[in-house]
């Protein structure tokens, strides 16, 4: 972009270094895990890391310490965000014209930046917490047994106050979808303060591959839980009893223990798969199904489209910003089991039209590049900085 001076983060892994190559040879699982944190700074840009908090978080999760402390995993992540926020505020604001920070990691930074006349750009990747809480509270009321898996309902007041503070202090807010924009407008944020820039697709490293079998396969990738609407997907799929068909769920299971038991036999489940190994799973599917209730713009939609998969999703997943209903896939209302069944049945019965949708999805993914995202972001930053100078 030409504006970037420094990147501050927790862990940043460069797979081209000698250390990384050694890990790849002798500790491939660790190398594979760290590649998910790959971040190589552009030429001329400093990359500063504070890895200790994140390494402690990972260790605490692996050892189960969070359970002894009666903390859910999100509490540990929130702590890491606060540490980074404090580090940036105390050591990285001079001399700057602007700072770009993310949700939950900006309150202290923005407070200090505003005092120094530094422009504050805020990246909000998911809907405003009030909308998230409203939707998840409704789910908890309808499915009380799922309440432990609906984390937004349980967020502490202090965290919510920080979110409010970040939005109030931000000079401009970048969001990935219309649904996030609307959630901000509903809480009184001015439209002039918001810019929608949809994420780019990974079309350069996710590609269509030959399908290895003739099974009609509906695929879900992500956290397997109620926030993603997986319970509605199961309710829709089980009664269909489609011939030569399979529902495949890939991702960490967030449902309470035993909750999935009534659906056993109607789906296949795989725990979390490394990101670098997802392409074959997308390519084995006929359609990607993502009926999420709360998102910003789900990156898995763009991954699936890059692999040539048509998509069934919801407006709440950001689908309306990247998909034309009936062209690259289908947009259905949240919680609508009947609509989900209708689309799944149509996909099963129309393989030729479905393949054409998949081709359209790939073409759309090729248009939604990260280069385009950077161009739009750069233009937005330039416009705001010019306005601030004026």
Protein backbone atom coordinates (compact mmCIF):
# COMPACT_ATOMS: atom_id res chain seq x y z
CA UNK A 1 0.00 0.00 0.00
CA UNK A 2 2.92 2.34 0.62
CA UNK A 3 1.53 3.48 3.97
CA UNK A 4 2.51 0.54 6.13
CA UNK A 5 5.36 1.19 8.58
CA UNK A 6 5.09 -1.70 11.01
CA UNK A 7 3.07 -4.85 11.73
CA UNK A 8 2.55 -5.88 15.36
CA UNK A 9 1.16 -9.34 16.11
CA UNK A 10 1.60 -12.36 18.39
CA UNK A 11 3.05 -15.14 16.27
CA UNK A 12 4.27 -14.76 12.72
CA UNK A 13 5.76 -17.79 10.98
CA UNK A 14 7.97 -17.65 7.91
CA UNK A 15 8.06 -21.12 6.29
CA UNK A 16 11.08 -20.10 4.17
CA UNK A 17 13.51 -19.75 7.09
CA UNK A 18 16.08 -22.40 8.01
CA UNK A 19 14.31 -22.99 11.35
CA UNK A 20 11.05 -23.64 9.52
CA UNK A 21 12.71 -26.04 7.12
CA UNK A 22 14.24 -27.91 10.05
CA UNK A 23 10.84 -28.18 11.73
CA UNK A 24 9.32 -29.42 8.49
CA UNK A 25 11.90 -32.22 8.40
CA UNK A 26 11.98 -33.30 12.05
CA UNK A 27 8.68 -32.01 13.53
CA UNK A 28 6.19 -31.90 10.65
CA UNK A 29 3.07 -31.64 12.90
CA UNK A 30 4.48 -28.53 14.58
CA UNK A 31 5.49 -27.06 11.22
CA UNK A 32 2.02 -27.75 9.87
CA UNK A 33 0.41 -26.04 12.86
CA UNK A 34 2.68 -23.01 12.60
CA UNK A 35 2.04 -22.55 8.89
CA UNK A 36 -1.44 -21.45 9.90
CA UNK A 37 0.32 -18.40 11.41
CA UNK A 38 2.31 -17.57 8.27
CA UNK A 39 2.90 -13.85 7.92
CA UNK A 40 5.81 -12.51 5.89
CA UNK A 41 6.17 -8.73 6.01
CA UNK A 42 6.45 -6.79 2.72
CA UNK A 43 9.82 -5.32 1.86
CA UNK A 44 10.63 -2.28 3.95
CA UNK A 45 8.04 -3.10 6.62
CA UNK A 46 9.01 -4.11 10.16
CA UNK A 47 7.27 -7.14 11.64
CA UNK A 48 7.29 -7.06 15.45
CA UNK A 49 5.99 -10.05 17.40
CA UNK A 50 5.01 -10.67 21.02
CA UNK A 51 4.74 -14.46 21.00
CA UNK A 52 4.80 -15.20 24.75
CA UNK A 53 1.09 -14.53 25.51
CA UNK A 54 -0.07 -16.62 22.55
CA UNK A 55 2.29 -19.48 23.38
CA UNK A 56 1.01 -19.46 26.98
CA UNK A 57 -2.57 -19.50 25.69
CA UNK A 58 -1.87 -22.50 23.47
CA UNK A 59 -0.09 -24.33 26.29
CA UNK A 60 -2.95 -23.61 28.71
CA UNK A 61 -5.46 -25.04 26.25
CA UNK A 62 -3.40 -28.15 25.56
CA UNK A 63 -2.83 -28.80 29.27
CA UNK A 64 -6.42 -28.02 30.27
CA UNK A 65 -5.37 -25.21 32.62
CA UNK A 66 -8.32 -23.09 31.52
CA UNK A 67 -10.68 -25.67 33.03
CA UNK A 68 -8.89 -25.51 36.39
CA UNK A 69 -9.23 -21.72 36.27
CA UNK A 70 -12.89 -22.01 35.24
CA UNK A 71 -12.22 -20.07 32.05
CA UNK A 72 -13.46 -20.89 28.59
CA UNK A 73 -10.99 -20.72 25.69
CA UNK A 74 -12.30 -17.32 24.63
CA UNK A 75 -11.21 -15.78 27.93
CA UNK A 76 -7.62 -16.75 27.13
CA UNK A 77 -7.87 -15.26 23.64
CA UNK A 78 -9.28 -12.03 25.10
CA UNK A 79 -6.28 -11.81 27.44
CA UNK A 80 -3.89 -12.10 24.48
CA UNK A 81 -5.74 -9.31 22.66
CA UNK A 82 -5.47 -7.03 25.70
CA UNK A 83 -1.73 -7.68 26.05
CA UNK A 84 -1.06 -6.81 22.40
CA UNK A 85 -3.28 -3.75 22.67
CA UNK A 86 -1.25 -2.50 25.63
CA UNK A 87 2.06 -3.22 23.88
CA UNK A 88 1.04 -1.22 20.80
CA UNK A 89 -0.26 1.69 22.88
CA UNK A 90 2.91 1.92 24.98
CA UNK A 91 5.63 1.27 22.38
CA UNK A 92 4.48 1.57 18.77
CA UNK A 93 2.57 4.81 18.19
CA UNK A 94 5.43 7.24 17.57
CA UNK A 95 5.80 8.58 14.94
CA UNK A 96 2.59 7.61 13.10
CA UNK A 97 -0.11 9.29 11.06
CA UNK A 98 -2.61 6.48 11.50
CA UNK A 99 -3.06 3.13 13.23
CA UNK A 100 -5.10 0.17 11.99
CA UNK A 101 -6.38 -2.17 14.71
CA UNK A 102 -8.81 -5.05 15.07
CA UNK A 103 -11.83 -5.72 17.23
CA UNK A 104 -11.00 -6.50 20.88
CA UNK A 105 -7.42 -5.29 20.46
CA UNK A 106 -7.85 -1.55 20.00
CA UNK A 107 -9.31 0.17 23.07
CA UNK A 108 -6.04 1.19 24.77
CA UNK A 109 -4.30 1.86 21.46
CA UNK A 110 -7.07 4.13 20.22
CA UNK A 111 -7.20 6.01 23.54
CA UNK A 112 -3.49 6.84 23.29
CA UNK A 113 -3.65 7.49 19.55
CA UNK A 114 -6.48 10.00 19.83
CA UNK A 115 -4.50 11.94 22.44
CA UNK A 116 -1.64 12.18 19.93
CA UNK A 117 -3.80 13.16 16.96
CA UNK A 118 -3.31 9.81 15.22
CA UNK A 119 -6.12 8.66 12.91
CA UNK A 120 -7.74 5.40 14.09
CA UNK A 121 -8.89 2.78 11.59
CA UNK A 122 -10.92 -0.07 13.05
CA UNK A 123 -11.44 -3.47 11.46
CA UNK A 124 -14.69 -5.15 12.56
CA UNK A 125 -14.81 -8.61 10.94
CA UNK A 126 -18.09 -9.79 12.48
CA UNK A 127 -21.47 -8.29 13.30
CA UNK A 128 -21.75 -5.88 16.22
CA UNK A 129 -21.96 -7.71 19.52
CA UNK A 130 -25.53 -6.56 20.23
CA UNK A 131 -26.83 -8.34 17.13
CA UNK A 132 -24.69 -11.36 17.91
CA UNK A 133 -26.02 -11.52 21.46
CA UNK A 134 -29.59 -11.08 20.31
CA UNK A 135 -29.38 -13.95 17.84
CA UNK A 136 -27.55 -16.26 20.22
CA UNK A 137 -29.89 -15.44 23.10
CA UNK A 138 -32.80 -16.43 20.86
CA UNK A 139 -31.05 -19.73 20.14
CA UNK A 140 -30.45 -20.33 23.84
CA UNK A 141 -34.14 -19.74 24.56
CA UNK A 142 -35.19 -22.14 21.80
CA UNK A 143 -32.48 -24.73 22.58
CA UNK A 144 -31.54 -24.31 26.28
CA UNK A 145 -29.24 -27.34 26.15
CA UNK A 146 -27.07 -25.51 23.60
CA UNK A 147 -26.44 -22.47 25.81
CA UNK A 148 -22.87 -23.55 26.79
CA UNK A 149 -21.91 -23.49 23.10
CA UNK A 150 -23.29 -19.97 22.51
CA UNK A 151 -20.36 -17.93 23.79
CA UNK A 152 -21.68 -14.47 22.90
CA UNK A 153 -24.38 -14.88 25.53
CA UNK A 154 -21.65 -15.31 28.14
CA UNK A 155 -19.32 -12.41 27.28
CA UNK A 156 -18.32 -10.37 30.36
CA UNK A 157 -19.50 -6.73 30.68
CA UNK A 158 -15.91 -5.44 30.70
CA UNK A 159 -15.26 -6.94 27.26
CA UNK A 160 -18.44 -5.36 25.90
CA UNK A 161 -17.43 -1.98 27.32
CA UNK A 162 -14.11 -2.27 25.49
CA UNK A 163 -15.95 -3.01 22.25
CA UNK A 164 -18.12 0.09 22.71
CA UNK A 165 -15.02 2.15 23.47
CA UNK A 166 -13.25 0.94 20.33
CA UNK A 167 -16.17 1.87 18.08
CA UNK A 168 -16.60 5.28 19.72
CA UNK A 169 -12.89 6.12 19.34
CA UNK A 170 -12.53 4.86 15.77
CA UNK A 171 -12.33 7.52 13.07
CA UNK A 172 -13.34 5.00 10.43
CA UNK A 173 -14.54 1.38 10.47
CA UNK A 174 -13.78 -1.22 7.79
CA UNK A 175 -16.26 -4.12 7.56
CA UNK A 176 -16.38 -7.11 5.18
CA UNK A 177 -20.10 -7.26 4.46
CA UNK A 178 -23.43 -5.50 4.39
CA UNK A 179 -24.70 -7.49 7.36
CA UNK A 180 -21.90 -6.07 9.54
CA UNK A 181 -22.60 -2.57 8.24
CA UNK A 182 -26.29 -2.91 9.07
CA UNK A 183 -25.51 -4.12 12.59
CA UNK A 184 -23.49 -0.92 13.18
CA UNK A 185 -26.18 1.32 11.73
CA UNK A 186 -28.69 -0.27 14.10
CA UNK A 187 -26.67 0.89 17.12
CA UNK A 188 -26.35 4.43 15.84
CA UNK A 189 -22.99 4.45 14.04
CA UNK A 190 -23.01 6.96 11.19
CA UNK A 191 -23.00 5.50 7.68
CA UNK A 192 -20.22 7.95 6.76
CA UNK A 193 -17.98 6.22 9.29
CA UNK A 194 -18.29 2.75 7.66
CA UNK A 195 -16.82 1.24 4.49
CA UNK A 196 -17.73 -2.24 3.23
CA UNK A 197 -14.85 -4.12 1.58
CA UNK A 198 -15.51 -7.85 1.02
CA UNK A 199 -12.61 -10.18 1.73
CA UNK A 200 -10.58 -11.65 -1.10
CA UNK A 201 -10.69 -15.30 -2.13
CA UNK A 202 -7.71 -17.69 -1.97
CA UNK A 203 -8.19 -18.65 -5.63
CA UNK A 204 -4.43 -18.80 -6.17
CA UNK A 205 -3.93 -21.77 -3.82
CA UNK A 206 -7.42 -23.30 -3.65
CA UNK A 207 -8.33 -24.86 -7.00
CA UNK A 208 -11.02 -27.10 -8.51
CA UNK A 209 -9.85 -30.71 -8.56
CA UNK A 210 -11.50 -33.81 -10.10
CA UNK A 211 -14.17 -35.26 -7.83
CA UNK A 212 -12.97 -38.72 -6.72
CA UNK A 213 -16.39 -40.42 -6.66
CA UNK A 214 -20.02 -40.13 -7.76
CA UNK A 215 -21.48 -39.60 -4.26
CA UNK A 216 -23.58 -36.49 -3.82
CA UNK A 217 -21.78 -34.87 -0.92
CA UNK A 218 -22.93 -31.81 1.04
CA UNK A 219 -19.98 -30.32 2.90
CA UNK A 220 -19.73 -28.07 5.94
CA UNK A 221 -16.36 -26.69 7.08
CA UNK A 222 -15.98 -24.64 10.25
CA UNK A 223 -16.71 -24.85 13.93
CA UNK A 224 -19.42 -27.49 14.19
CA UNK A 225 -21.85 -25.77 16.52
CA UNK A 226 -25.07 -23.81 16.89
CA UNK A 227 -23.65 -20.37 15.97
CA UNK A 228 -22.90 -21.79 12.53
CA UNK A 229 -26.42 -23.21 12.21
CA UNK A 230 -25.23 -26.83 12.04
CA UNK A 231 -28.20 -28.03 14.09
CA UNK A 232 -30.53 -26.69 11.38
CA UNK A 233 -28.46 -28.42 8.72
CA UNK A 234 -28.80 -31.73 10.57
CA UNK A 235 -32.54 -31.24 10.95
CA UNK A 236 -32.83 -30.58 7.23
CA UNK A 237 -30.57 -33.40 6.06
CA UNK A 238 -31.67 -36.37 8.17
CA UNK A 239 -35.28 -36.69 6.89
CA UNK A 240 -34.28 -36.31 3.23
CA UNK A 241 -32.71 -39.78 3.05
CA UNK A 242 -31.15 -38.96 -0.32
CA UNK A 243 -29.78 -41.95 -2.28
CA UNK A 244 -26.01 -42.16 -2.83
CA UNK A 245 -25.54 -39.08 -0.68
CA UNK A 246 -23.46 -37.99 2.30
CA UNK A 247 -23.29 -35.03 4.67
CA UNK A 248 -19.69 -34.35 5.74
CA UNK A 249 -18.95 -32.06 8.70
CA UNK A 250 -15.34 -30.90 9.06
CA UNK A 251 -14.20 -28.90 12.08
CA UNK A 252 -14.01 -28.70 15.85
CA UNK A 253 -17.19 -29.96 17.54
CA UNK A 254 -18.66 -27.25 19.78
CA UNK A 255 -21.92 -29.02 20.61
CA UNK A 256 -22.39 -30.22 24.20
CA UNK A 257 -21.31 -33.81 24.75
CA UNK A 258 -23.88 -36.27 23.43
CA UNK A 259 -25.98 -33.64 21.65
CA UNK A 260 -25.23 -35.08 18.20
CA UNK A 261 -26.20 -38.63 19.21
CA UNK A 262 -29.73 -38.55 17.72
CA UNK A 263 -28.19 -37.74 14.32
CA UNK A 264 -25.54 -40.48 14.37
CA UNK A 265 -25.50 -42.41 11.14
CA UNK A 266 -26.86 -39.52 9.09
CA UNK A 267 -23.54 -37.68 8.69
CA UNK A 268 -19.79 -38.22 8.65
CA UNK A 269 -17.59 -36.14 10.95
CA UNK A 270 -13.92 -35.19 10.74
CA UNK A 271 -12.21 -33.13 13.47
CA UNK A 272 -10.30 -30.01 12.54
CA UNK A 273 -8.25 -30.40 9.35
CA UNK A 274 -5.13 -28.27 8.70
CA UNK A 275 -5.96 -25.40 6.39
CA UNK A 276 -3.35 -26.49 3.87
CA UNK A 277 -5.09 -29.87 3.50
CA UNK A 278 -8.66 -28.66 2.96
CA UNK A 279 -8.63 -28.48 -0.85
CA UNK A 280 -9.27 -32.23 -1.38
CA UNK A 281 -12.26 -32.11 0.98
CA UNK A 282 -13.80 -29.21 -0.92
CA UNK A 283 -13.10 -31.03 -4.19
CA UNK A 284 -14.81 -34.20 -2.94
CA UNK A 285 -18.08 -32.29 -2.40
CA UNK A 286 -21.01 -31.46 -4.64
CA UNK A 287 -22.22 -28.41 -2.70
CA UNK A 288 -20.96 -26.37 0.24
CA UNK A 289 -23.54 -25.68 2.95
CA UNK A 290 -22.99 -22.94 5.53
CA UNK A 291 -26.24 -21.88 7.28
CA UNK A 292 -24.56 -19.62 9.84
CA UNK A 293 -26.47 -17.30 12.17
CA UNK A 294 -23.61 -14.95 13.12
CA UNK A 295 -20.64 -14.04 10.92
CA UNK A 296 -19.06 -11.13 9.11
CA UNK A 297 -18.01 -12.72 5.85
CA UNK A 298 -17.08 -16.37 6.28
CA UNK A 299 -13.77 -17.11 4.57
CA UNK A 300 -14.81 -20.73 4.05
CA UNK A 301 -17.38 -19.50 1.53
CA UNK A 302 -14.60 -18.00 -0.57
CA UNK A 303 -12.46 -21.11 -0.17
CA UNK A 304 -15.30 -23.32 -1.37
CA UNK A 305 -16.03 -21.05 -4.32
CA UNK A 306 -12.34 -21.02 -5.26
CA UNK A 307 -12.58 -24.84 -5.42
CA UNK A 308 -15.51 -24.58 -7.82
CA UNK A 309 -18.22 -25.41 -5.30
CA UNK A 310 -21.68 -23.85 -5.38
CA UNK A 311 -22.76 -22.55 -1.99
CA UNK A 312 -25.92 -22.65 0.12
CA UNK A 313 -25.63 -19.99 2.80
CA UNK A 314 -27.38 -17.14 4.62
CA UNK A 315 -27.26 -13.33 4.52
CA UNK A 316 -25.84 -13.48 8.06
CA UNK A 317 -22.76 -15.29 6.73
CA UNK A 318 -22.08 -12.40 4.36
CA UNK A 319 -23.40 -14.39 1.44
CA UNK A 320 -25.26 -11.54 -0.27
CA UNK A 321 -22.01 -9.60 -0.79
CA UNK A 322 -20.30 -12.34 -2.82
CA UNK A 323 -23.10 -14.55 -4.20
CA UNK A 324 -25.98 -13.83 -6.55
CA UNK A 325 -28.85 -16.09 -5.52
CA UNK A 326 -29.34 -18.77 -8.13
CA UNK A 327 -26.03 -18.07 -9.92
CA UNK A 328 -23.11 -19.16 -7.70
CA UNK A 329 -25.40 -20.79 -5.18
CA UNK A 330 -28.37 -19.99 -2.99
CA UNK A 331 -29.09 -17.50 -0.20
CA UNK A 332 -31.62 -18.78 2.34
CA UNK A 333 -32.97 -17.22 5.55
CA UNK A 334 -31.37 -18.23 8.83
CA UNK A 335 -33.11 -21.01 10.77
CA UNK A 336 -35.20 -22.02 7.74
CA UNK A 337 -35.03 -25.82 7.72
CA UNK A 338 -37.60 -26.15 4.94
CA UNK A 339 -35.70 -23.78 2.63
CA UNK A 340 -32.49 -25.68 3.36
CA UNK A 341 -34.18 -28.98 2.52
CA UNK A 342 -35.57 -27.58 -0.72
CA UNK A 343 -32.15 -26.37 -1.89
CA UNK A 344 -30.40 -29.60 -0.92
CA UNK A 345 -33.02 -31.63 -2.77
CA UNK A 346 -32.73 -29.39 -5.85
CA UNK A 347 -28.95 -29.77 -5.84
CA UNK A 348 -29.26 -33.55 -5.63
CA UNK A 349 -31.75 -33.67 -8.50
CA UNK A 350 -29.97 -31.20 -10.84
CA UNK A 351 -26.31 -32.29 -11.14
CA UNK A 352 -25.71 -30.52 -14.48
CA UNK A 353 -27.08 -27.18 -13.30
CA UNK A 354 -25.18 -27.62 -10.04
CA UNK A 355 -21.91 -28.10 -11.94
CA UNK A 356 -22.61 -24.90 -13.89
CA UNK A 357 -23.15 -23.09 -10.58
CA UNK A 358 -19.79 -24.40 -9.42
CA UNK A 359 -18.11 -22.96 -12.52
CA UNK A 360 -19.78 -19.61 -11.84
CA UNK A 361 -18.60 -19.78 -8.23
CA UNK A 362 -14.99 -20.25 -9.35
CA UNK A 363 -15.28 -17.33 -11.78
CA UNK A 364 -16.64 -15.13 -9.00
CA UNK A 365 -13.81 -16.20 -6.70
CA UNK A 366 -11.29 -15.21 -9.36
CA UNK A 367 -12.84 -11.72 -9.45
CA UNK A 368 -12.76 -11.29 -5.66
CA UNK A 369 -8.99 -11.12 -5.32
CA UNK A 370 -6.99 -9.99 -2.30
CA UNK A 371 -5.34 -7.54 -4.68
CA UNK A 372 -8.73 -5.93 -5.23
CA UNK A 373 -9.26 -5.89 -1.46
CA UNK A 374 -5.94 -4.07 -0.98
CA UNK A 375 -6.79 -1.54 -3.69
CA UNK A 376 -10.13 -0.73 -2.06
CA UNK A 377 -8.56 -0.52 1.39
CA UNK A 378 -5.77 1.75 0.13
CA UNK A 379 -8.30 4.06 -1.55
CA UNK A 380 -10.35 4.23 1.65
CA UNK A 381 -7.30 5.01 3.80
CA UNK A 382 -6.16 7.71 1.37
CA UNK A 383 -9.59 9.36 1.32
CA UNK A 384 -9.85 9.43 5.11
CA UNK A 385 -6.31 10.77 5.59
CA UNK A 386 -6.87 13.51 3.01
CA UNK A 387 -10.12 14.47 4.74
CA UNK A 388 -8.36 14.55 8.13
CA UNK A 389 -5.63 16.85 6.79
CA UNK A 390 -8.24 19.16 5.30
